[in-house]
N, C-alpha and C. Protein backbone atom coordinates (compact mmCIF):
# COMPACT_ATOMS: atom_id res chain seq x y z
N UNK A 1 51.62 -9.38 35.59
CA UNK A 1 50.56 -8.83 34.77
C UNK A 1 49.22 -9.41 35.20
N UNK A 2 48.12 -8.79 34.79
CA UNK A 2 46.79 -9.24 35.14
C UNK A 2 46.39 -10.43 34.28
N UNK A 3 45.55 -11.28 34.81
CA UNK A 3 45.11 -12.47 34.09
C UNK A 3 44.04 -12.08 33.05
N UNK A 4 43.77 -13.02 32.16
CA UNK A 4 42.78 -12.81 31.12
C UNK A 4 41.39 -12.56 31.73
N UNK A 5 41.01 -13.33 32.74
CA UNK A 5 39.71 -13.18 33.41
C UNK A 5 39.54 -11.79 34.02
N UNK A 6 40.60 -11.29 34.64
CA UNK A 6 40.55 -9.96 35.25
C UNK A 6 40.35 -8.90 34.18
N UNK A 7 41.09 -9.00 33.06
CA UNK A 7 40.95 -8.03 31.97
C UNK A 7 39.56 -8.09 31.33
N UNK A 8 39.02 -9.30 31.12
CA UNK A 8 37.69 -9.45 30.54
C UNK A 8 36.64 -8.85 31.46
N UNK A 9 36.77 -9.07 32.77
CA UNK A 9 35.84 -8.52 33.74
C UNK A 9 35.90 -6.98 33.73
N UNK A 10 37.08 -6.42 33.69
CA UNK A 10 37.23 -4.96 33.66
C UNK A 10 36.61 -4.38 32.39
N UNK A 11 36.85 -5.03 31.25
CA UNK A 11 36.30 -4.56 29.97
C UNK A 11 34.77 -4.64 29.97
N UNK A 12 34.22 -5.74 30.46
CA UNK A 12 32.77 -5.91 30.51
C UNK A 12 32.12 -4.89 31.46
N UNK A 13 32.72 -4.69 32.62
CA UNK A 13 32.19 -3.73 33.58
C UNK A 13 32.22 -2.32 33.02
N UNK A 14 33.32 -1.95 32.38
CA UNK A 14 33.44 -0.63 31.77
C UNK A 14 32.40 -0.45 30.66
N UNK A 15 32.21 -1.48 29.82
CA UNK A 15 31.25 -1.41 28.71
C UNK A 15 29.82 -1.25 29.23
N UNK A 16 29.46 -2.00 30.24
CA UNK A 16 28.12 -1.91 30.80
C UNK A 16 27.89 -0.56 31.49
N UNK A 17 28.90 -0.04 32.12
CA UNK A 17 28.78 1.28 32.75
C UNK A 17 28.54 2.35 31.70
N UNK A 18 29.28 2.31 30.61
CA UNK A 18 29.10 3.28 29.51
C UNK A 18 27.71 3.13 28.90
N UNK A 19 27.26 1.88 28.69
CA UNK A 19 25.94 1.64 28.12
C UNK A 19 24.83 2.18 29.04
N UNK A 20 24.93 1.94 30.34
CA UNK A 20 23.94 2.44 31.29
C UNK A 20 23.94 3.98 31.31
N UNK A 21 25.10 4.58 31.26
CA UNK A 21 25.21 6.03 31.22
C UNK A 21 24.57 6.59 29.96
N UNK A 22 24.81 5.96 28.82
CA UNK A 22 24.22 6.42 27.55
C UNK A 22 22.70 6.28 27.58
N UNK A 23 22.18 5.20 28.15
CA UNK A 23 20.72 5.02 28.27
C UNK A 23 20.12 6.11 29.15
N UNK A 24 20.77 6.42 30.25
CA UNK A 24 20.27 7.45 31.16
C UNK A 24 20.28 8.82 30.48
N UNK A 25 21.34 9.16 29.78
CA UNK A 25 21.42 10.43 29.06
C UNK A 25 20.36 10.49 27.96
N UNK A 26 20.17 9.39 27.25
CA UNK A 26 19.15 9.34 26.19
C UNK A 26 17.76 9.54 26.76
N UNK A 27 17.49 8.88 27.87
CA UNK A 27 16.19 9.02 28.51
C UNK A 27 15.96 10.44 29.00
N UNK A 28 16.98 11.06 29.55
CA UNK A 28 16.86 12.45 29.99
C UNK A 28 16.65 13.41 28.82
N UNK A 29 17.30 13.13 27.70
CA UNK A 29 17.13 14.01 26.54
C UNK A 29 15.70 13.95 26.02
N UNK A 30 15.04 12.81 26.18
CA UNK A 30 13.66 12.67 25.74
C UNK A 30 12.71 13.48 26.64
N UNK A 31 13.09 13.71 27.87
CA UNK A 31 12.23 14.47 28.78
C UNK A 31 12.18 15.96 28.41
N UNK A 32 13.06 16.42 27.54
CA UNK A 32 13.03 17.81 27.08
C UNK A 32 11.91 18.05 26.07
N UNK A 33 11.34 16.97 25.52
CA UNK A 33 10.23 17.09 24.58
C UNK A 33 8.98 17.55 25.31
N UNK A 34 8.33 18.58 24.79
CA UNK A 34 7.07 19.05 25.39
C UNK A 34 5.96 18.86 24.36
N UNK A 35 5.26 17.72 24.42
CA UNK A 35 4.24 17.43 23.43
C UNK A 35 3.01 18.32 23.57
N UNK A 36 2.31 18.49 22.46
CA UNK A 36 1.07 19.28 22.46
C UNK A 36 -0.01 18.54 21.66
N UNK A 37 -0.49 17.42 22.19
CA UNK A 37 -1.52 16.66 21.47
C UNK A 37 -2.87 17.38 21.52
N UNK A 38 -3.72 17.05 20.57
CA UNK A 38 -5.07 17.63 20.55
C UNK A 38 -6.08 16.53 20.25
N UNK A 39 -7.29 16.72 20.75
CA UNK A 39 -8.34 15.72 20.52
C UNK A 39 -9.70 16.38 20.60
N UNK A 40 -10.65 15.79 19.88
CA UNK A 40 -12.03 16.23 19.91
C UNK A 40 -12.89 14.98 19.83
N UNK A 41 -13.96 14.95 20.62
CA UNK A 41 -14.89 13.83 20.59
C UNK A 41 -16.29 14.38 20.46
N UNK A 42 -17.05 13.82 19.53
CA UNK A 42 -18.44 14.19 19.35
C UNK A 42 -19.30 12.96 19.64
N UNK A 43 -20.33 13.16 20.44
CA UNK A 43 -21.33 12.11 20.63
C UNK A 43 -22.38 12.33 19.55
N UNK A 44 -22.36 11.48 18.54
CA UNK A 44 -23.27 11.65 17.40
C UNK A 44 -24.68 11.16 17.70
N UNK A 45 -24.76 10.06 18.45
CA UNK A 45 -26.07 9.48 18.69
C UNK A 45 -26.04 8.62 19.94
N UNK A 46 -27.13 8.62 20.66
CA UNK A 46 -27.30 7.66 21.75
C UNK A 46 -28.17 6.56 21.16
N UNK A 47 -27.53 5.43 20.83
CA UNK A 47 -28.22 4.34 20.14
C UNK A 47 -29.34 3.76 21.00
N UNK A 48 -29.05 3.52 22.26
CA UNK A 48 -30.06 3.10 23.22
C UNK A 48 -29.58 3.40 24.62
N UNK A 49 -30.56 3.57 25.49
CA UNK A 49 -30.32 3.87 26.90
C UNK A 49 -31.40 3.09 27.64
N UNK A 50 -31.00 2.04 28.34
CA UNK A 50 -32.01 1.16 28.95
C UNK A 50 -31.62 0.76 30.36
N UNK A 51 -32.61 0.27 31.04
CA UNK A 51 -32.41 -0.29 32.37
C UNK A 51 -32.35 -1.81 32.21
N UNK A 52 -31.25 -2.41 32.65
CA UNK A 52 -31.09 -3.86 32.55
C UNK A 52 -32.03 -4.57 33.53
N UNK A 53 -32.29 -5.86 33.31
CA UNK A 53 -33.14 -6.61 34.24
C UNK A 53 -32.64 -6.58 35.69
N UNK A 54 -31.34 -6.48 35.89
CA UNK A 54 -30.79 -6.42 37.26
C UNK A 54 -30.87 -5.02 37.85
N UNK A 55 -31.38 -4.05 37.09
CA UNK A 55 -31.57 -2.70 37.62
C UNK A 55 -30.46 -1.72 37.29
N UNK A 56 -29.46 -2.10 36.49
CA UNK A 56 -28.36 -1.20 36.13
C UNK A 56 -28.66 -0.47 34.83
N UNK A 57 -28.19 0.77 34.73
CA UNK A 57 -28.32 1.55 33.50
C UNK A 57 -27.26 1.10 32.50
N UNK A 58 -27.65 1.02 31.22
CA UNK A 58 -26.70 0.68 30.16
C UNK A 58 -26.96 1.58 28.96
N UNK A 59 -25.87 2.04 28.33
CA UNK A 59 -25.95 3.00 27.23
C UNK A 59 -25.06 2.54 26.08
N UNK A 60 -25.53 2.78 24.87
CA UNK A 60 -24.71 2.60 23.68
C UNK A 60 -24.68 3.93 22.94
N UNK A 61 -23.49 4.42 22.64
CA UNK A 61 -23.34 5.71 21.95
C UNK A 61 -22.51 5.54 20.69
N UNK A 62 -22.75 6.41 19.72
CA UNK A 62 -21.94 6.49 18.52
C UNK A 62 -21.06 7.73 18.65
N UNK A 63 -19.76 7.55 18.42
CA UNK A 63 -18.78 8.61 18.66
C UNK A 63 -17.96 8.92 17.41
N UNK A 64 -17.55 10.15 17.28
CA UNK A 64 -16.50 10.57 16.35
C UNK A 64 -15.31 10.98 17.21
N UNK A 65 -14.21 10.24 17.09
CA UNK A 65 -12.99 10.54 17.86
C UNK A 65 -11.95 11.05 16.89
N UNK A 66 -11.54 12.29 17.08
CA UNK A 66 -10.52 12.90 16.23
C UNK A 66 -9.36 13.32 17.12
N UNK A 67 -8.15 12.87 16.76
CA UNK A 67 -6.99 13.21 17.59
C UNK A 67 -5.73 13.36 16.75
N UNK A 68 -4.87 14.22 17.22
CA UNK A 68 -3.53 14.38 16.64
C UNK A 68 -2.53 14.19 17.79
N UNK A 69 -1.98 12.99 17.87
CA UNK A 69 -1.04 12.64 18.94
C UNK A 69 0.39 12.51 18.42
N UNK A 70 0.67 13.08 17.24
CA UNK A 70 1.99 12.94 16.63
C UNK A 70 3.10 13.54 17.48
N UNK A 71 2.79 14.58 18.25
CA UNK A 71 3.84 15.22 19.06
C UNK A 71 4.29 14.34 20.22
N UNK A 72 3.56 13.26 20.51
CA UNK A 72 3.98 12.33 21.57
C UNK A 72 5.12 11.43 21.12
N UNK A 73 5.32 11.33 19.81
CA UNK A 73 6.34 10.43 19.28
C UNK A 73 7.69 11.13 19.15
N UNK A 74 8.70 10.51 19.72
CA UNK A 74 10.09 10.95 19.58
C UNK A 74 10.91 9.74 19.16
N UNK A 75 12.21 9.89 19.12
CA UNK A 75 13.07 8.77 18.78
C UNK A 75 12.94 7.64 19.81
N UNK A 76 12.49 7.95 21.02
CA UNK A 76 12.45 6.98 22.11
C UNK A 76 11.06 6.34 22.29
N UNK A 77 10.08 6.68 21.46
CA UNK A 77 8.73 6.16 21.64
C UNK A 77 8.58 4.84 20.90
N UNK A 78 8.20 3.82 21.64
CA UNK A 78 7.94 2.50 21.04
C UNK A 78 6.52 2.45 20.51
N UNK A 79 5.54 2.83 21.35
CA UNK A 79 4.14 2.88 20.96
C UNK A 79 3.37 3.70 21.98
N UNK A 80 2.14 4.05 21.64
CA UNK A 80 1.29 4.82 22.54
C UNK A 80 -0.03 4.06 22.70
N UNK A 81 -0.40 3.81 23.95
CA UNK A 81 -1.70 3.21 24.26
C UNK A 81 -2.65 4.36 24.58
N UNK A 82 -3.79 4.40 23.92
CA UNK A 82 -4.75 5.50 24.10
C UNK A 82 -6.13 4.91 24.38
N UNK A 83 -6.86 5.56 25.30
CA UNK A 83 -8.23 5.12 25.55
C UNK A 83 -9.12 6.30 25.90
N UNK A 84 -10.40 6.16 25.55
CA UNK A 84 -11.40 7.18 25.83
C UNK A 84 -12.28 6.68 26.96
N UNK A 85 -12.43 7.49 27.99
CA UNK A 85 -13.22 7.11 29.16
C UNK A 85 -14.31 8.15 29.42
N UNK A 86 -15.47 7.66 29.85
CA UNK A 86 -16.53 8.53 30.35
C UNK A 86 -16.32 8.64 31.85
N UNK A 87 -16.30 9.86 32.37
CA UNK A 87 -16.06 10.09 33.80
C UNK A 87 -17.20 10.91 34.38
N UNK A 88 -17.71 10.46 35.50
CA UNK A 88 -18.82 11.15 36.17
C UNK A 88 -18.79 10.80 37.65
N UNK A 89 -19.58 11.54 38.42
CA UNK A 89 -19.66 11.25 39.85
C UNK A 89 -21.07 10.78 40.20
N UNK A 90 -21.17 10.03 41.27
CA UNK A 90 -22.45 9.56 41.80
C UNK A 90 -22.43 9.78 43.30
N UNK A 91 -23.58 9.69 43.97
CA UNK A 91 -23.57 9.84 45.43
C UNK A 91 -22.69 8.80 46.13
N UNK A 92 -22.55 7.64 45.52
CA UNK A 92 -21.76 6.56 46.14
C UNK A 92 -20.26 6.71 45.87
N UNK A 93 -19.89 7.20 44.67
CA UNK A 93 -18.48 7.32 44.27
C UNK A 93 -18.20 8.71 43.71
N UNK A 94 -17.09 9.30 44.13
CA UNK A 94 -16.75 10.64 43.64
C UNK A 94 -16.22 10.61 42.21
N UNK A 95 -15.66 9.48 41.77
CA UNK A 95 -15.18 9.36 40.39
C UNK A 95 -15.51 7.97 39.86
N UNK A 96 -16.27 7.95 38.79
CA UNK A 96 -16.57 6.72 38.06
C UNK A 96 -15.92 6.87 36.69
N UNK A 97 -15.18 5.88 36.27
CA UNK A 97 -14.52 5.89 34.97
C UNK A 97 -14.93 4.65 34.20
N UNK A 98 -15.44 4.85 33.00
CA UNK A 98 -15.83 3.73 32.15
C UNK A 98 -15.11 3.88 30.83
N UNK A 99 -14.31 2.89 30.48
CA UNK A 99 -13.59 2.91 29.21
C UNK A 99 -14.57 2.61 28.09
N UNK A 100 -14.61 3.50 27.09
CA UNK A 100 -15.52 3.32 25.96
C UNK A 100 -14.81 2.80 24.72
N UNK A 101 -13.54 3.16 24.55
CA UNK A 101 -12.78 2.78 23.36
C UNK A 101 -11.30 2.81 23.72
N UNK A 102 -10.50 1.95 23.08
CA UNK A 102 -9.05 2.01 23.25
C UNK A 102 -8.35 1.56 21.98
N UNK A 103 -7.07 1.86 21.93
CA UNK A 103 -6.27 1.46 20.78
C UNK A 103 -4.79 1.62 21.07
N UNK A 104 -3.98 0.95 20.25
CA UNK A 104 -2.53 1.06 20.33
C UNK A 104 -2.05 1.74 19.06
N UNK A 105 -1.30 2.81 19.22
CA UNK A 105 -0.76 3.54 18.08
C UNK A 105 0.70 3.14 17.94
N UNK A 106 1.04 2.41 16.88
CA UNK A 106 2.40 1.87 16.76
C UNK A 106 3.45 2.84 16.24
N UNK A 107 3.02 3.91 15.55
CA UNK A 107 4.01 4.82 14.96
C UNK A 107 3.41 6.21 14.78
N UNK A 108 4.27 7.15 14.48
CA UNK A 108 3.86 8.55 14.30
C UNK A 108 2.91 8.69 13.11
N UNK A 109 3.06 7.85 12.10
CA UNK A 109 2.21 7.91 10.92
C UNK A 109 0.75 7.59 11.24
N UNK A 110 0.52 6.81 12.28
CA UNK A 110 -0.83 6.41 12.67
C UNK A 110 -1.39 7.28 13.80
N UNK A 111 -0.64 8.29 14.23
CA UNK A 111 -1.00 9.07 15.41
C UNK A 111 -1.98 10.20 15.14
N UNK A 112 -2.34 10.41 13.89
CA UNK A 112 -3.36 11.40 13.55
C UNK A 112 -4.51 10.61 12.94
N UNK A 113 -5.67 10.62 13.63
CA UNK A 113 -6.74 9.75 13.19
C UNK A 113 -8.11 10.36 13.44
N UNK A 114 -9.10 9.84 12.71
CA UNK A 114 -10.51 10.15 12.88
C UNK A 114 -11.23 8.82 12.86
N UNK A 115 -11.90 8.49 13.96
CA UNK A 115 -12.58 7.21 14.09
C UNK A 115 -14.06 7.45 14.34
N UNK A 116 -14.88 6.77 13.57
CA UNK A 116 -16.34 6.79 13.75
C UNK A 116 -16.70 5.42 14.29
N UNK A 117 -17.16 5.35 15.55
CA UNK A 117 -17.38 4.05 16.19
C UNK A 117 -18.46 4.12 17.26
N UNK A 118 -19.00 2.98 17.59
CA UNK A 118 -19.83 2.85 18.79
C UNK A 118 -18.90 2.45 19.93
N UNK A 119 -19.37 2.62 21.17
CA UNK A 119 -18.49 2.28 22.28
C UNK A 119 -18.08 0.81 22.19
N UNK A 120 -16.79 0.57 22.33
CA UNK A 120 -16.20 -0.77 22.22
C UNK A 120 -16.51 -1.60 23.46
N UNK A 121 -16.62 -0.94 24.59
CA UNK A 121 -16.91 -1.60 25.87
C UNK A 121 -18.23 -1.10 26.40
N UNK A 122 -18.89 -1.92 27.19
CA UNK A 122 -20.22 -1.59 27.69
C UNK A 122 -20.17 -0.42 28.67
N UNK A 123 -21.08 0.52 28.46
CA UNK A 123 -21.22 1.70 29.31
C UNK A 123 -22.35 1.38 30.28
N UNK A 124 -21.98 0.83 31.44
CA UNK A 124 -22.95 0.38 32.44
C UNK A 124 -22.63 1.03 33.78
N UNK A 125 -23.68 1.43 34.49
CA UNK A 125 -23.51 1.96 35.84
C UNK A 125 -24.29 1.08 36.81
N UNK A 126 -23.74 0.89 37.99
CA UNK A 126 -24.44 0.11 39.01
C UNK A 126 -25.55 0.97 39.59
N UNK A 127 -26.77 0.63 39.25
CA UNK A 127 -27.90 1.41 39.73
C UNK A 127 -28.48 2.24 38.61
N UNK A 128 -29.32 3.19 39.00
CA UNK A 128 -30.00 4.04 38.03
C UNK A 128 -29.54 5.49 38.18
N UNK A 129 -28.23 5.68 38.16
CA UNK A 129 -27.65 7.00 38.38
C UNK A 129 -27.39 7.80 37.11
N UNK A 130 -27.61 7.20 35.93
CA UNK A 130 -27.16 7.86 34.70
C UNK A 130 -28.20 8.76 34.04
N UNK A 131 -29.46 8.65 34.40
CA UNK A 131 -30.48 9.48 33.75
C UNK A 131 -30.22 10.96 34.04
N UNK A 132 -30.04 11.73 32.95
CA UNK A 132 -29.79 13.17 33.07
C UNK A 132 -28.40 13.52 33.59
N UNK A 133 -27.52 12.55 33.71
CA UNK A 133 -26.19 12.76 34.31
C UNK A 133 -25.28 13.52 33.36
N UNK A 134 -24.58 14.51 33.89
CA UNK A 134 -23.53 15.20 33.14
C UNK A 134 -22.25 14.39 33.30
N UNK A 135 -21.46 14.30 32.22
CA UNK A 135 -20.21 13.54 32.28
C UNK A 135 -19.16 14.17 31.38
N UNK A 136 -17.93 13.82 31.64
CA UNK A 136 -16.79 14.26 30.82
C UNK A 136 -16.31 13.08 29.99
N UNK A 137 -15.84 13.36 28.79
CA UNK A 137 -15.11 12.37 28.02
C UNK A 137 -13.64 12.73 28.13
N UNK A 138 -12.83 11.76 28.50
CA UNK A 138 -11.41 12.01 28.74
C UNK A 138 -10.58 11.07 27.87
N UNK A 139 -9.69 11.65 27.07
CA UNK A 139 -8.79 10.85 26.26
C UNK A 139 -7.48 10.70 27.03
N UNK A 140 -7.19 9.48 27.44
CA UNK A 140 -5.97 9.17 28.19
C UNK A 140 -4.95 8.55 27.24
N UNK A 141 -3.66 8.78 27.50
CA UNK A 141 -2.63 8.08 26.74
C UNK A 141 -1.46 7.72 27.64
N UNK A 142 -0.82 6.63 27.27
CA UNK A 142 0.38 6.14 27.97
C UNK A 142 1.45 5.96 26.90
N UNK A 143 2.52 6.73 27.01
CA UNK A 143 3.63 6.65 26.06
C UNK A 143 4.59 5.58 26.57
N UNK A 144 4.77 4.54 25.77
CA UNK A 144 5.66 3.44 26.13
C UNK A 144 7.00 3.65 25.43
N UNK A 145 8.04 3.99 26.19
CA UNK A 145 9.33 4.30 25.58
C UNK A 145 10.16 3.05 25.30
N UNK A 146 11.18 3.24 24.49
CA UNK A 146 12.14 2.15 24.26
C UNK A 146 13.03 2.01 25.49
N UNK A 147 13.34 3.12 26.13
CA UNK A 147 14.11 3.10 27.37
C UNK A 147 13.60 4.23 28.27
N UNK A 148 13.61 4.00 29.56
CA UNK A 148 13.15 5.03 30.49
C UNK A 148 11.76 4.74 31.02
N UNK A 149 11.21 5.73 31.71
CA UNK A 149 9.91 5.52 32.36
C UNK A 149 8.75 5.81 31.41
N UNK A 150 7.64 5.12 31.67
CA UNK A 150 6.43 5.32 30.89
C UNK A 150 5.74 6.60 31.35
N UNK A 151 5.26 7.38 30.40
CA UNK A 151 4.60 8.64 30.71
C UNK A 151 3.11 8.54 30.39
N UNK A 152 2.28 9.19 31.19
CA UNK A 152 0.83 9.18 30.98
C UNK A 152 0.29 10.60 31.13
N UNK A 153 -0.75 10.89 30.36
CA UNK A 153 -1.41 12.19 30.45
C UNK A 153 -2.80 12.04 29.87
N UNK A 154 -3.56 13.15 29.83
CA UNK A 154 -4.93 13.08 29.35
C UNK A 154 -5.42 14.44 28.91
N UNK A 155 -6.50 14.43 28.13
CA UNK A 155 -7.24 15.63 27.75
C UNK A 155 -8.68 15.41 28.20
N UNK A 156 -9.19 16.33 29.03
CA UNK A 156 -10.56 16.23 29.54
C UNK A 156 -11.45 17.13 28.68
N UNK A 157 -12.56 16.55 28.20
CA UNK A 157 -13.53 17.29 27.39
C UNK A 157 -14.87 17.28 28.14
N UNK A 158 -15.20 18.36 28.84
CA UNK A 158 -16.44 18.40 29.64
C UNK A 158 -17.66 18.79 28.81
N UNK A 159 -18.82 18.69 29.46
CA UNK A 159 -20.03 19.25 28.87
C UNK A 159 -20.95 18.28 28.17
N UNK A 160 -20.88 17.01 28.46
CA UNK A 160 -21.78 16.03 27.85
C UNK A 160 -22.88 15.68 28.86
N UNK A 161 -24.06 15.38 28.34
CA UNK A 161 -25.16 15.03 29.23
C UNK A 161 -25.97 13.89 28.63
N UNK A 162 -26.39 12.97 29.50
CA UNK A 162 -27.21 11.84 29.08
C UNK A 162 -28.68 12.22 29.15
N UNK A 163 -29.54 11.52 28.40
CA UNK A 163 -30.98 11.83 28.44
C UNK A 163 -31.59 11.55 29.80
N UNK A 164 -32.70 12.21 30.06
CA UNK A 164 -33.41 12.02 31.34
C UNK A 164 -34.32 10.80 31.32
N UNK A 165 -34.61 10.28 30.13
CA UNK A 165 -35.51 9.12 30.00
C UNK A 165 -34.80 8.00 29.24
N UNK A 166 -35.20 6.78 29.50
CA UNK A 166 -34.66 5.63 28.78
C UNK A 166 -35.13 5.65 27.33
N UNK A 167 -34.26 5.14 26.42
CA UNK A 167 -34.57 5.08 24.97
C UNK A 167 -34.22 3.69 24.48
N UNK A 168 -34.97 3.23 23.53
CA UNK A 168 -34.65 1.93 22.90
C UNK A 168 -34.25 2.13 21.48
């Protein structure tokens, strides 16, 4: 007959194989979810727009961020990291991304929100490229699952423009 060690090894190997198979099937079942999040961002006010002593443009804006990200949550969602970025191009760089606000959404109950805030991070450009610049606000999210791969997507909201003159 087989020894105790051989039987324990066979049982452990079989159990881990079944567990790995169940995790893979669970992760695949989550990929059948087709979320439909929505978001809207309003620039309520440009608090100030100035040229720093080193010659860089800096802006402070007041925003209304409204989003419904509840469809991103499934049984496999641990949390969702979300951030709002200003995106624009300059002669030097084809894509500039500046994070203005971010947050972690821990559950589906917190995934529908309306936030009135000023930019959490500094909106600075190297040089004086921002006067009169058109830019997009993009809401990015990263879905962090309990098992499986992390998913990321975004909603691009075009049509914003900065003033042509500095304001204090």
